[in-house]
N, C-alpha and C. Protein backbone atom coordinates (compact mmCIF):
# COMPACT_ATOMS: atom_id res chain seq x y z
N UNK A 1 7.39 -48.96 50.99
CA UNK A 1 6.88 -49.61 49.86
C UNK A 1 7.62 -49.31 48.70
N UNK A 2 8.06 -50.30 47.88
CA UNK A 2 8.84 -49.98 46.82
C UNK A 2 8.05 -49.60 45.52
N UNK A 3 8.48 -48.51 44.83
CA UNK A 3 7.76 -47.99 43.56
C UNK A 3 7.55 -49.25 42.60
N UNK A 4 6.45 -49.18 41.93
CA UNK A 4 6.11 -50.09 40.90
C UNK A 4 5.86 -49.24 39.60
N UNK A 5 6.42 -49.47 38.33
CA UNK A 5 5.94 -48.78 37.27
C UNK A 5 6.13 -49.66 36.09
N UNK A 6 5.64 -49.10 34.82
CA UNK A 6 5.76 -49.68 33.70
C UNK A 6 6.44 -48.79 32.70
N UNK A 7 7.28 -49.55 31.92
CA UNK A 7 8.14 -48.86 30.98
C UNK A 7 7.66 -49.33 29.52
N UNK A 8 7.48 -48.38 28.50
CA UNK A 8 7.38 -48.67 27.24
C UNK A 8 8.59 -48.28 26.44
N UNK A 9 9.07 -49.09 25.72
CA UNK A 9 10.25 -48.70 24.83
C UNK A 9 9.78 -48.66 23.42
N UNK A 10 9.88 -47.66 22.70
CA UNK A 10 9.27 -47.57 21.31
C UNK A 10 10.53 -47.25 20.32
N UNK A 11 10.43 -47.82 19.20
CA UNK A 11 11.46 -47.56 18.15
C UNK A 11 11.03 -46.14 17.44
N UNK A 12 12.10 -45.39 17.60
CA UNK A 12 11.90 -44.03 17.11
C UNK A 12 12.27 -43.80 15.62
N UNK A 13 12.91 -45.06 15.05
CA UNK A 13 13.52 -44.93 13.73
C UNK A 13 12.35 -45.23 12.73
N UNK A 14 11.19 -45.68 13.16
CA UNK A 14 10.12 -45.93 12.18
C UNK A 14 9.45 -44.91 11.51
N UNK A 15 9.49 -43.76 12.15
CA UNK A 15 8.85 -42.49 11.68
C UNK A 15 7.14 -42.83 11.63
N UNK A 16 6.72 -43.37 12.70
CA UNK A 16 5.31 -43.59 12.72
C UNK A 16 4.62 -42.08 13.23
N UNK A 17 3.23 -42.11 12.65
CA UNK A 17 2.67 -40.97 12.96
C UNK A 17 2.31 -40.99 14.44
N UNK A 18 1.87 -39.82 15.16
CA UNK A 18 1.56 -39.71 16.52
C UNK A 18 0.37 -40.74 16.82
N UNK A 19 -0.69 -40.87 16.01
CA UNK A 19 -1.61 -41.79 16.40
C UNK A 19 -1.10 -43.27 16.49
N UNK A 20 -0.42 -43.64 15.37
CA UNK A 20 0.22 -44.96 15.35
C UNK A 20 1.10 -45.30 16.52
N UNK A 21 1.98 -44.31 16.91
CA UNK A 21 2.81 -44.48 18.02
C UNK A 21 1.94 -44.64 19.30
N UNK A 22 0.90 -43.91 19.53
CA UNK A 22 0.02 -44.03 20.70
C UNK A 22 -0.53 -45.36 20.53
N UNK A 23 -1.05 -45.92 19.54
CA UNK A 23 -1.53 -47.34 19.41
C UNK A 23 -0.61 -48.30 19.89
N UNK A 24 0.57 -48.29 19.47
CA UNK A 24 1.77 -49.12 19.67
C UNK A 24 1.85 -49.19 21.25
N UNK A 25 2.03 -47.92 21.74
CA UNK A 25 2.30 -47.93 23.24
C UNK A 25 1.13 -48.44 24.01
N UNK A 26 -0.10 -48.35 23.61
CA UNK A 26 -1.11 -48.87 24.31
C UNK A 26 -1.10 -50.47 24.08
N UNK A 27 -0.85 -50.94 23.02
CA UNK A 27 -0.64 -52.50 22.91
C UNK A 27 0.39 -52.95 23.82
N UNK A 28 1.51 -52.21 23.84
CA UNK A 28 2.68 -52.81 24.66
C UNK A 28 2.25 -52.66 26.14
N UNK A 29 1.51 -51.66 26.53
CA UNK A 29 1.14 -51.55 27.87
C UNK A 29 0.21 -52.64 28.34
N UNK A 30 -0.79 -52.81 27.50
CA UNK A 30 -1.81 -53.72 27.87
C UNK A 30 -0.85 -55.40 27.79
N UNK A 31 -0.33 -55.57 26.67
CA UNK A 31 0.25 -56.91 26.70
C UNK A 31 1.24 -57.17 27.70
N UNK A 32 2.00 -56.23 28.18
CA UNK A 32 2.89 -56.32 29.31
C UNK A 32 2.30 -56.51 30.67
N UNK A 33 1.33 -55.85 30.65
CA UNK A 33 0.39 -55.86 31.93
C UNK A 33 -0.09 -57.27 32.20
N UNK A 34 -0.59 -57.94 31.06
CA UNK A 34 -1.26 -59.24 31.09
C UNK A 34 -0.12 -60.16 31.49
N UNK A 35 1.09 -59.98 30.98
CA UNK A 35 2.20 -60.86 31.37
C UNK A 35 2.61 -60.82 32.86
N UNK A 36 2.56 -59.71 33.29
CA UNK A 36 2.85 -59.35 34.82
C UNK A 36 1.78 -59.80 35.57
N UNK A 37 0.52 -59.71 35.27
CA UNK A 37 -0.62 -60.17 36.07
C UNK A 37 -0.61 -61.71 36.16
N UNK A 38 -0.24 -62.45 35.08
CA UNK A 38 -0.36 -63.85 35.13
C UNK A 38 0.70 -64.51 36.01
N UNK A 39 1.98 -63.73 35.98
CA UNK A 39 3.20 -64.19 36.83
C UNK A 39 3.37 -63.66 38.23
N UNK A 40 2.70 -62.43 38.40
CA UNK A 40 3.07 -61.79 39.59
C UNK A 40 1.82 -60.89 39.85
N UNK A 41 0.64 -61.61 40.27
CA UNK A 41 -0.54 -60.84 40.75
C UNK A 41 -0.46 -59.87 41.56
N UNK A 42 0.29 -60.01 42.78
CA UNK A 42 0.43 -58.95 43.73
C UNK A 42 1.09 -57.76 43.24
N UNK A 43 2.11 -57.69 42.51
CA UNK A 43 2.82 -56.55 41.74
C UNK A 43 1.91 -55.79 40.83
N UNK A 44 1.08 -56.48 40.00
CA UNK A 44 0.10 -55.91 39.06
C UNK A 44 -0.91 -55.26 39.74
N UNK A 45 -1.39 -55.82 40.84
CA UNK A 45 -2.57 -55.20 41.76
C UNK A 45 -1.99 -54.00 42.36
N UNK A 46 -0.96 -53.91 42.88
CA UNK A 46 -0.36 -52.81 43.49
C UNK A 46 0.02 -51.60 42.58
N UNK A 47 0.49 -52.00 41.38
CA UNK A 47 0.45 -50.87 40.30
C UNK A 47 -0.79 -50.31 39.97
N UNK A 48 -1.89 -51.08 39.90
CA UNK A 48 -3.19 -50.72 39.62
C UNK A 48 -3.79 -49.65 40.70
N UNK A 49 -3.42 -50.06 41.83
CA UNK A 49 -3.73 -49.20 43.21
C UNK A 49 -3.01 -48.08 43.42
N UNK A 50 -1.94 -47.88 42.77
CA UNK A 50 -1.09 -46.79 42.95
C UNK A 50 -0.91 -45.89 41.73
N UNK A 51 -1.82 -45.81 40.84
CA UNK A 51 -1.72 -44.80 39.78
C UNK A 51 -1.30 -45.25 38.53
N UNK A 52 -0.81 -46.57 38.33
CA UNK A 52 -0.45 -47.17 37.06
C UNK A 52 0.81 -46.20 36.30
N UNK A 53 1.91 -45.94 37.12
CA UNK A 53 2.90 -45.17 36.60
C UNK A 53 3.48 -45.68 35.28
N UNK A 54 3.70 -44.84 34.21
CA UNK A 54 4.21 -45.28 32.95
C UNK A 54 5.22 -44.50 32.44
N UNK A 55 6.28 -44.90 31.87
CA UNK A 55 7.23 -44.12 31.40
C UNK A 55 7.38 -44.67 29.92
N UNK A 56 7.53 -43.60 28.79
CA UNK A 56 7.74 -43.99 27.48
C UNK A 56 9.12 -43.56 27.04
N UNK A 57 9.97 -44.54 26.69
CA UNK A 57 11.42 -44.25 26.14
C UNK A 57 11.57 -44.69 24.72
N UNK A 58 12.58 -44.35 24.16
CA UNK A 58 12.76 -44.66 22.84
C UNK A 58 14.10 -45.33 22.57
N UNK A 59 14.12 -46.17 21.38
CA UNK A 59 15.46 -46.76 20.97
C UNK A 59 15.39 -46.63 19.38
N UNK A 60 16.65 -46.91 18.84
CA UNK A 60 16.70 -46.80 17.43
C UNK A 60 16.92 -48.40 16.96
N UNK A 61 15.98 -48.77 16.30
CA UNK A 61 16.20 -50.14 15.53
C UNK A 61 15.49 -51.26 16.28
N UNK A 62 15.30 -52.31 15.51
CA UNK A 62 14.68 -53.55 16.07
C UNK A 62 15.70 -54.30 16.83
N UNK A 63 16.97 -54.23 16.49
CA UNK A 63 17.92 -55.06 17.10
C UNK A 63 18.06 -54.41 18.71
N UNK A 64 18.06 -53.15 18.92
CA UNK A 64 18.03 -52.57 20.13
C UNK A 64 16.88 -52.98 20.97
N UNK A 65 15.70 -53.07 20.34
CA UNK A 65 14.46 -53.45 21.02
C UNK A 65 14.66 -54.90 21.46
N UNK A 66 15.13 -55.71 20.72
CA UNK A 66 15.27 -57.12 20.85
C UNK A 66 16.33 -57.39 22.18
N UNK A 67 17.33 -56.55 22.09
CA UNK A 67 18.30 -56.78 23.09
C UNK A 67 17.68 -56.35 24.44
N UNK A 68 16.91 -55.41 24.71
CA UNK A 68 16.23 -55.04 25.80
C UNK A 68 15.34 -56.19 26.22
N UNK A 69 14.57 -56.60 25.38
CA UNK A 69 13.69 -57.78 25.64
C UNK A 69 14.39 -58.94 26.20
N UNK A 70 15.44 -59.37 25.69
CA UNK A 70 16.31 -60.35 26.05
C UNK A 70 17.00 -60.06 27.46
N UNK A 71 17.30 -58.85 27.66
CA UNK A 71 17.73 -58.55 29.11
C UNK A 71 16.67 -58.63 30.03
N UNK A 72 15.56 -58.07 29.82
CA UNK A 72 14.43 -58.13 30.68
C UNK A 72 14.00 -59.67 30.90
N UNK A 73 13.90 -60.42 30.03
CA UNK A 73 13.64 -61.94 30.20
C UNK A 73 14.68 -62.36 31.01
N UNK A 74 15.79 -62.30 30.78
CA UNK A 74 16.96 -62.92 31.44
C UNK A 74 16.80 -62.49 33.00
N UNK A 75 16.43 -61.27 33.27
CA UNK A 75 16.17 -60.83 34.79
C UNK A 75 14.69 -61.35 35.18
N UNK A 76 14.13 -61.89 34.51
CA UNK A 76 12.77 -62.42 34.79
C UNK A 76 11.77 -61.41 35.13
N UNK A 77 11.93 -60.28 34.42
CA UNK A 77 11.04 -59.23 34.60
C UNK A 77 9.96 -59.17 33.36
N UNK A 78 8.69 -59.20 33.70
CA UNK A 78 7.66 -59.47 32.68
C UNK A 78 7.71 -58.36 31.48
N UNK A 79 7.60 -58.81 30.29
CA UNK A 79 7.62 -57.91 29.09
C UNK A 79 7.08 -58.43 28.00
N UNK A 80 6.65 -57.71 26.97
CA UNK A 80 5.86 -58.19 25.78
C UNK A 80 6.29 -57.21 24.70
N UNK A 81 6.70 -58.01 23.52
CA UNK A 81 7.03 -57.40 22.36
C UNK A 81 5.83 -57.12 21.40
N UNK A 82 5.57 -55.83 20.90
CA UNK A 82 4.56 -55.74 19.86
C UNK A 82 5.21 -55.98 18.51
N UNK A 83 4.44 -56.84 17.72
CA UNK A 83 4.45 -57.01 16.35
C UNK A 83 3.34 -56.52 15.57
N UNK A 84 3.51 -55.52 14.74
CA UNK A 84 2.43 -54.81 13.94
C UNK A 84 1.78 -55.78 12.93
N UNK A 85 0.72 -55.59 12.85
CA UNK A 85 -0.34 -56.34 11.89
C UNK A 85 0.05 -55.83 10.37
N UNK A 86 0.55 -54.60 10.22
CA UNK A 86 0.86 -54.07 8.79
C UNK A 86 -0.37 -53.60 8.10
N UNK A 87 -1.36 -53.18 8.87
CA UNK A 87 -2.67 -52.66 8.20
C UNK A 87 -2.64 -51.31 7.62
N UNK A 88 -1.69 -50.44 8.36
CA UNK A 88 -1.55 -49.03 7.96
C UNK A 88 -0.28 -48.57 7.56
N UNK A 89 0.52 -48.05 8.52
CA UNK A 89 1.82 -47.36 8.14
C UNK A 89 3.08 -48.19 7.82
N UNK A 90 3.11 -49.31 8.47
CA UNK A 90 4.41 -50.08 8.40
C UNK A 90 4.15 -51.58 8.07
N UNK A 91 5.12 -52.28 7.53
CA UNK A 91 4.90 -53.58 7.01
C UNK A 91 4.67 -54.73 8.17
N UNK A 92 3.76 -55.65 7.96
CA UNK A 92 3.48 -56.64 8.77
C UNK A 92 4.62 -57.21 9.50
N UNK A 93 4.38 -57.58 10.77
CA UNK A 93 5.50 -58.14 11.37
C UNK A 93 6.59 -57.24 12.09
N UNK A 94 6.50 -56.03 11.84
CA UNK A 94 7.44 -55.01 12.26
C UNK A 94 7.39 -54.91 13.74
N UNK A 95 8.44 -55.08 14.30
CA UNK A 95 8.58 -54.89 15.86
C UNK A 95 8.50 -53.35 16.31
N UNK A 96 7.44 -53.03 17.00
CA UNK A 96 7.48 -51.53 17.13
C UNK A 96 7.83 -50.89 18.55
N UNK A 97 7.48 -51.89 19.54
CA UNK A 97 7.45 -51.33 20.88
C UNK A 97 7.53 -52.65 21.88
N UNK A 98 8.22 -52.28 23.15
CA UNK A 98 8.34 -53.32 24.12
C UNK A 98 7.87 -52.85 25.43
N UNK A 99 6.77 -53.59 25.92
CA UNK A 99 6.06 -53.09 27.18
C UNK A 99 6.92 -54.02 28.34
N UNK A 100 7.05 -53.15 29.44
CA UNK A 100 8.09 -53.74 30.49
C UNK A 100 7.33 -53.45 31.78
N UNK A 101 6.93 -54.68 32.45
CA UNK A 101 6.26 -54.51 33.86
C UNK A 101 4.82 -54.23 33.64
N UNK A 102 4.08 -53.97 34.71
CA UNK A 102 4.57 -53.29 35.79
C UNK A 102 5.53 -54.11 36.73
N UNK A 103 6.43 -53.56 37.19
CA UNK A 103 7.63 -54.17 37.93
C UNK A 103 8.29 -53.07 38.80
N UNK A 104 9.28 -53.58 39.71
CA UNK A 104 9.96 -52.83 40.59
C UNK A 104 10.94 -51.66 39.82
N UNK A 105 10.46 -50.39 40.02
CA UNK A 105 11.24 -49.37 39.37
C UNK A 105 12.77 -49.41 39.35
N UNK A 106 13.30 -49.74 40.46
CA UNK A 106 14.76 -49.80 40.57
C UNK A 106 15.39 -50.95 39.64
N UNK A 107 14.62 -52.18 39.47
CA UNK A 107 15.11 -53.16 38.52
C UNK A 107 15.15 -52.77 37.14
N UNK A 108 13.91 -52.13 36.84
CA UNK A 108 13.76 -51.73 35.31
C UNK A 108 14.77 -50.45 35.21
N UNK A 109 14.95 -49.65 36.04
CA UNK A 109 15.90 -48.66 35.86
C UNK A 109 17.33 -49.03 35.61
N UNK A 110 17.75 -50.12 36.25
CA UNK A 110 19.02 -50.64 36.01
C UNK A 110 19.43 -50.94 34.49
N UNK A 111 18.35 -51.37 33.76
CA UNK A 111 18.52 -51.73 32.40
C UNK A 111 18.13 -50.40 31.45
N UNK A 112 17.40 -49.53 31.86
CA UNK A 112 16.91 -48.35 30.95
C UNK A 112 17.47 -47.17 31.33
N UNK A 113 18.44 -46.92 32.22
CA UNK A 113 18.72 -45.59 32.58
C UNK A 113 19.44 -44.77 31.46
N UNK A 114 19.96 -45.45 30.47
CA UNK A 114 20.67 -44.68 29.52
C UNK A 114 19.61 -44.31 28.33
N UNK A 115 18.39 -44.64 28.28
CA UNK A 115 17.54 -44.24 27.32
C UNK A 115 16.89 -42.90 27.63
N UNK A 116 16.30 -42.27 26.50
CA UNK A 116 15.82 -40.99 26.61
C UNK A 116 14.28 -41.15 26.45
N UNK A 117 13.55 -40.02 27.05
CA UNK A 117 12.23 -40.10 26.84
C UNK A 117 11.71 -39.92 25.40
N UNK A 118 10.57 -40.49 25.00
CA UNK A 118 10.01 -40.39 23.57
C UNK A 118 9.74 -38.99 23.47
């Protein structure tokens, strides 16, 4: 059985507090899960049944986040970009995180292997 995981890519340049970062990661995880569940019910179900593995990685800047989103969409890997409401620490519309998957680990790793853990 192939490993299934979810990856959350967070912007480290925004200097969000720990609570704000945790909230953005949670948004990205849920949003991306719902994308995967709509398109690939069997993969989403397997992920839920095998421990919901998640990895949180970091990038610098919105451009980097968008480039990853475009690459995942090109590969048809479910993903979701978080756009902040701007009610607390950062301006409205700021792109903070990208949720990827759940999806096949090896396919996610091909695009993220150069990123560091948050």
